[in-house]
């Protein structure tokens, strides 16, 4: 993985996961989309996303950080911040 991953690259990877693996319509994947209300995901889906993003980044979100995530944008920010550490 490159040292500098942009937020756009994280968003694109997340969009791929959501559309290909969880069958979310691509048009619905927006930064402000709420994972549970707008995308109708459940906690199992959220864990699946976390695992897939861990494979993408080779880093793991802390449980505390994971609990704060509510939107697609929250995931992008959390992963980006994790990569900046």
N, C-alpha and C. Protein backbone atom coordinates (compact mmCIF):
# COMPACT_ATOMS: atom_id res chain seq x y z
N UNK A 1 0.85 -1.18 0.00
CA UNK A 1 0.00 0.00 0.00
C UNK A 1 0.89 1.24 0.00
N UNK A 2 0.50 2.22 -0.75
CA UNK A 2 1.26 3.47 -0.82
C UNK A 2 1.20 4.18 0.53
N UNK A 3 2.24 4.97 0.80
CA UNK A 3 2.28 5.69 2.07
C UNK A 3 1.13 6.68 2.20
N UNK A 4 0.81 7.34 1.13
CA UNK A 4 -0.24 8.37 1.16
C UNK A 4 -1.48 7.88 0.43
N UNK A 5 -2.47 7.52 1.19
CA UNK A 5 -3.74 7.14 0.62
C UNK A 5 -4.68 8.32 0.82
N UNK A 6 -5.35 8.73 -0.24
CA UNK A 6 -6.23 9.88 -0.13
C UNK A 6 -7.60 9.46 0.38
N UNK A 7 -8.34 10.45 0.84
CA UNK A 7 -9.71 10.19 1.28
C UNK A 7 -10.55 9.68 0.12
N UNK A 8 -10.26 10.19 -1.07
CA UNK A 8 -10.99 9.73 -2.26
C UNK A 8 -10.73 8.24 -2.53
N UNK A 9 -9.49 7.80 -2.36
CA UNK A 9 -9.17 6.39 -2.55
C UNK A 9 -9.86 5.52 -1.51
N UNK A 10 -9.91 6.00 -0.28
CA UNK A 10 -10.61 5.26 0.78
C UNK A 10 -12.09 5.18 0.45
N UNK A 11 -12.67 6.31 0.04
CA UNK A 11 -14.09 6.34 -0.32
C UNK A 11 -14.38 5.38 -1.47
N UNK A 12 -13.51 5.37 -2.48
CA UNK A 12 -13.71 4.48 -3.64
C UNK A 12 -13.64 3.01 -3.24
N UNK A 13 -12.71 2.67 -2.36
CA UNK A 13 -12.61 1.30 -1.88
C UNK A 13 -13.85 0.93 -1.07
N UNK A 14 -14.29 1.83 -0.24
CA UNK A 14 -15.49 1.60 0.56
C UNK A 14 -16.71 1.46 -0.34
N UNK A 15 -16.80 2.29 -1.36
CA UNK A 15 -17.92 2.21 -2.30
C UNK A 15 -17.92 0.85 -3.00
N UNK A 16 -16.75 0.36 -3.37
CA UNK A 16 -16.64 -0.96 -4.01
C UNK A 16 -17.14 -2.05 -3.06
N UNK A 17 -16.74 -1.98 -1.81
CA UNK A 17 -17.18 -2.97 -0.82
C UNK A 17 -18.70 -2.91 -0.66
N UNK A 18 -19.23 -1.71 -0.52
CA UNK A 18 -20.67 -1.57 -0.28
C UNK A 18 -21.50 -2.02 -1.49
N UNK A 19 -21.05 -1.69 -2.69
CA UNK A 19 -21.84 -2.05 -3.87
C UNK A 19 -21.65 -3.50 -4.28
N UNK A 20 -20.43 -4.00 -4.23
CA UNK A 20 -20.17 -5.37 -4.69
C UNK A 20 -20.50 -6.43 -3.65
N UNK A 21 -20.14 -6.17 -2.42
CA UNK A 21 -20.29 -7.19 -1.39
C UNK A 21 -21.63 -7.10 -0.65
N UNK A 22 -22.11 -5.88 -0.43
CA UNK A 22 -23.32 -5.71 0.36
C UNK A 22 -24.52 -5.28 -0.49
N UNK A 23 -24.30 -5.20 -1.80
CA UNK A 23 -25.35 -4.94 -2.79
C UNK A 23 -26.11 -3.64 -2.54
N UNK A 24 -25.37 -2.60 -2.16
CA UNK A 24 -25.94 -1.27 -2.00
C UNK A 24 -25.88 -0.57 -3.36
N UNK A 25 -26.92 0.16 -3.72
CA UNK A 25 -26.90 0.92 -4.96
C UNK A 25 -25.80 1.97 -4.91
N UNK A 26 -25.00 2.07 -5.97
CA UNK A 26 -23.88 3.00 -5.99
C UNK A 26 -24.33 4.44 -5.73
N UNK A 27 -25.48 4.83 -6.26
CA UNK A 27 -25.99 6.19 -6.08
C UNK A 27 -26.29 6.49 -4.61
N UNK A 28 -26.55 5.46 -3.83
CA UNK A 28 -26.85 5.65 -2.41
C UNK A 28 -25.62 5.85 -1.55
N UNK A 29 -24.45 5.50 -2.09
CA UNK A 29 -23.20 5.60 -1.32
C UNK A 29 -22.66 7.03 -1.43
N UNK A 30 -23.00 7.82 -0.42
CA UNK A 30 -22.58 9.21 -0.32
C UNK A 30 -21.92 9.40 1.04
N UNK A 31 -21.07 10.38 1.15
CA UNK A 31 -20.37 10.60 2.42
C UNK A 31 -21.34 10.81 3.58
N UNK A 32 -22.46 11.48 3.32
CA UNK A 32 -23.41 11.78 4.40
C UNK A 32 -24.40 10.65 4.66
N UNK A 33 -24.33 9.57 3.89
CA UNK A 33 -25.28 8.46 4.06
C UNK A 33 -25.05 7.75 5.39
N UNK A 34 -26.13 7.63 6.17
CA UNK A 34 -26.06 6.91 7.44
C UNK A 34 -26.08 5.42 7.14
N UNK A 35 -25.12 4.70 7.72
CA UNK A 35 -24.99 3.27 7.42
C UNK A 35 -26.24 2.48 7.79
N UNK A 36 -26.87 2.85 8.88
CA UNK A 36 -27.98 2.05 9.40
C UNK A 36 -29.34 2.54 8.91
N UNK A 37 -29.50 3.85 8.81
CA UNK A 37 -30.79 4.40 8.40
C UNK A 37 -30.92 4.50 6.87
N UNK A 38 -29.89 5.05 6.21
CA UNK A 38 -29.97 5.26 4.76
C UNK A 38 -29.62 4.01 3.97
N UNK A 39 -28.61 3.27 4.43
CA UNK A 39 -28.14 2.10 3.67
C UNK A 39 -28.70 0.79 4.21
N UNK A 40 -29.44 0.86 5.30
CA UNK A 40 -30.12 -0.30 5.89
C UNK A 40 -29.15 -1.43 6.24
N UNK A 41 -27.98 -1.05 6.75
CA UNK A 41 -27.01 -2.05 7.19
C UNK A 41 -27.29 -2.41 8.65
N UNK A 42 -26.79 -3.56 9.06
CA UNK A 42 -26.90 -3.94 10.46
C UNK A 42 -25.51 -4.06 11.06
N UNK A 43 -25.44 -4.43 12.33
CA UNK A 43 -24.15 -4.48 13.01
C UNK A 43 -23.21 -5.51 12.39
N UNK A 44 -23.74 -6.60 11.88
CA UNK A 44 -22.91 -7.62 11.22
C UNK A 44 -22.28 -7.03 9.96
N UNK A 45 -23.08 -6.27 9.19
CA UNK A 45 -22.54 -5.61 7.99
C UNK A 45 -21.44 -4.63 8.37
N UNK A 46 -21.64 -3.89 9.47
CA UNK A 46 -20.65 -2.92 9.91
C UNK A 46 -19.34 -3.60 10.27
N UNK A 47 -19.42 -4.73 10.94
CA UNK A 47 -18.21 -5.50 11.29
C UNK A 47 -17.54 -5.99 10.01
N UNK A 48 -18.32 -6.45 9.06
CA UNK A 48 -17.79 -6.92 7.78
C UNK A 48 -17.03 -5.80 7.06
N UNK A 49 -17.61 -4.61 7.07
CA UNK A 49 -16.94 -3.45 6.46
C UNK A 49 -15.62 -3.18 7.18
N UNK A 50 -15.63 -3.22 8.50
CA UNK A 50 -14.41 -2.97 9.27
C UNK A 50 -13.32 -3.97 8.93
N UNK A 51 -13.69 -5.23 8.79
CA UNK A 51 -12.72 -6.28 8.45
C UNK A 51 -12.16 -6.04 7.05
N UNK A 52 -13.03 -5.69 6.12
CA UNK A 52 -12.56 -5.45 4.75
C UNK A 52 -11.67 -4.21 4.65
N UNK A 53 -12.00 -3.18 5.41
CA UNK A 53 -11.16 -1.99 5.42
C UNK A 53 -9.82 -2.28 6.10
N UNK A 54 -9.83 -3.19 7.08
CA UNK A 54 -8.58 -3.59 7.72
C UNK A 54 -7.67 -4.28 6.70
N UNK A 55 -8.26 -5.11 5.84
CA UNK A 55 -7.46 -5.76 4.79
C UNK A 55 -6.90 -4.72 3.82
N UNK A 56 -7.69 -3.69 3.53
CA UNK A 56 -7.27 -2.62 2.62
C UNK A 56 -6.12 -1.81 3.21
N UNK A 57 -6.17 -1.55 4.51
CA UNK A 57 -5.19 -0.67 5.15
C UNK A 57 -4.09 -1.40 5.91
N UNK A 58 -4.32 -2.66 6.22
CA UNK A 58 -3.42 -3.43 7.09
C UNK A 58 -3.37 -2.85 8.50
N UNK A 59 -4.40 -2.09 8.87
CA UNK A 59 -4.51 -1.53 10.22
C UNK A 59 -5.92 -1.77 10.71
N UNK A 60 -6.06 -1.79 12.04
CA UNK A 60 -7.33 -2.09 12.66
C UNK A 60 -7.87 -0.88 13.42
N UNK A 61 -9.14 -0.58 13.20
CA UNK A 61 -9.80 0.47 13.98
C UNK A 61 -10.01 -0.01 15.40
N UNK A 62 -9.81 0.87 16.35
CA UNK A 62 -10.05 0.50 17.74
C UNK A 62 -11.57 0.36 17.96
N UNK A 63 -11.97 -0.47 18.92
CA UNK A 63 -13.40 -0.60 19.21
C UNK A 63 -14.05 0.75 19.55
N UNK A 64 -13.33 1.62 20.24
CA UNK A 64 -13.88 2.94 20.59
C UNK A 64 -14.14 3.76 19.34
N UNK A 65 -13.21 3.74 18.41
CA UNK A 65 -13.36 4.47 17.14
C UNK A 65 -14.49 3.85 16.32
N UNK A 66 -14.54 2.55 16.31
CA UNK A 66 -15.56 1.82 15.54
C UNK A 66 -16.97 2.19 16.02
N UNK A 67 -17.14 2.38 17.32
CA UNK A 67 -18.46 2.70 17.88
C UNK A 67 -18.95 4.08 17.48
N UNK A 68 -18.03 4.99 17.13
CA UNK A 68 -18.40 6.35 16.75
C UNK A 68 -18.92 6.44 15.32
N UNK A 69 -18.68 5.42 14.53
CA UNK A 69 -19.00 5.47 13.10
C UNK A 69 -20.50 5.35 12.87
N UNK A 70 -21.03 6.32 12.14
CA UNK A 70 -22.45 6.32 11.79
C UNK A 70 -22.69 6.50 10.29
N UNK A 71 -21.76 7.18 9.62
CA UNK A 71 -21.94 7.49 8.20
C UNK A 71 -20.78 6.95 7.36
N UNK A 72 -20.98 6.98 6.06
CA UNK A 72 -19.91 6.60 5.13
C UNK A 72 -18.72 7.54 5.36
N UNK A 73 -19.00 8.83 5.52
CA UNK A 73 -17.93 9.80 5.76
C UNK A 73 -17.16 9.52 7.03
N UNK A 74 -17.86 9.03 8.07
CA UNK A 74 -17.19 8.67 9.32
C UNK A 74 -16.16 7.57 9.08
N UNK A 75 -16.50 6.60 8.26
CA UNK A 75 -15.55 5.52 7.95
C UNK A 75 -14.34 6.08 7.22
N UNK A 76 -14.59 6.92 6.21
CA UNK A 76 -13.49 7.52 5.45
C UNK A 76 -12.56 8.28 6.39
N UNK A 77 -13.12 9.11 7.26
CA UNK A 77 -12.31 9.90 8.20
C UNK A 77 -11.54 9.01 9.16
N UNK A 78 -12.20 8.00 9.70
CA UNK A 78 -11.55 7.10 10.67
C UNK A 78 -10.38 6.35 10.02
N UNK A 79 -10.60 5.85 8.82
CA UNK A 79 -9.53 5.12 8.12
C UNK A 79 -8.40 6.07 7.76
N UNK A 80 -8.75 7.24 7.27
CA UNK A 80 -7.72 8.22 6.91
C UNK A 80 -6.87 8.59 8.13
N UNK A 81 -7.53 8.86 9.26
CA UNK A 81 -6.80 9.21 10.48
C UNK A 81 -5.95 8.04 10.96
N UNK A 82 -6.44 6.85 10.81
CA UNK A 82 -5.68 5.66 11.20
C UNK A 82 -4.40 5.56 10.38
N UNK A 83 -4.48 5.87 9.11
CA UNK A 83 -3.32 5.79 8.22
C UNK A 83 -2.32 6.92 8.49
N UNK A 84 -2.78 8.00 9.09
CA UNK A 84 -1.91 9.11 9.40
C UNK A 84 -1.09 8.86 10.66
N UNK A 85 -1.48 7.87 11.46
CA UNK A 85 -0.78 7.59 12.72
C UNK A 85 0.60 7.05 12.48
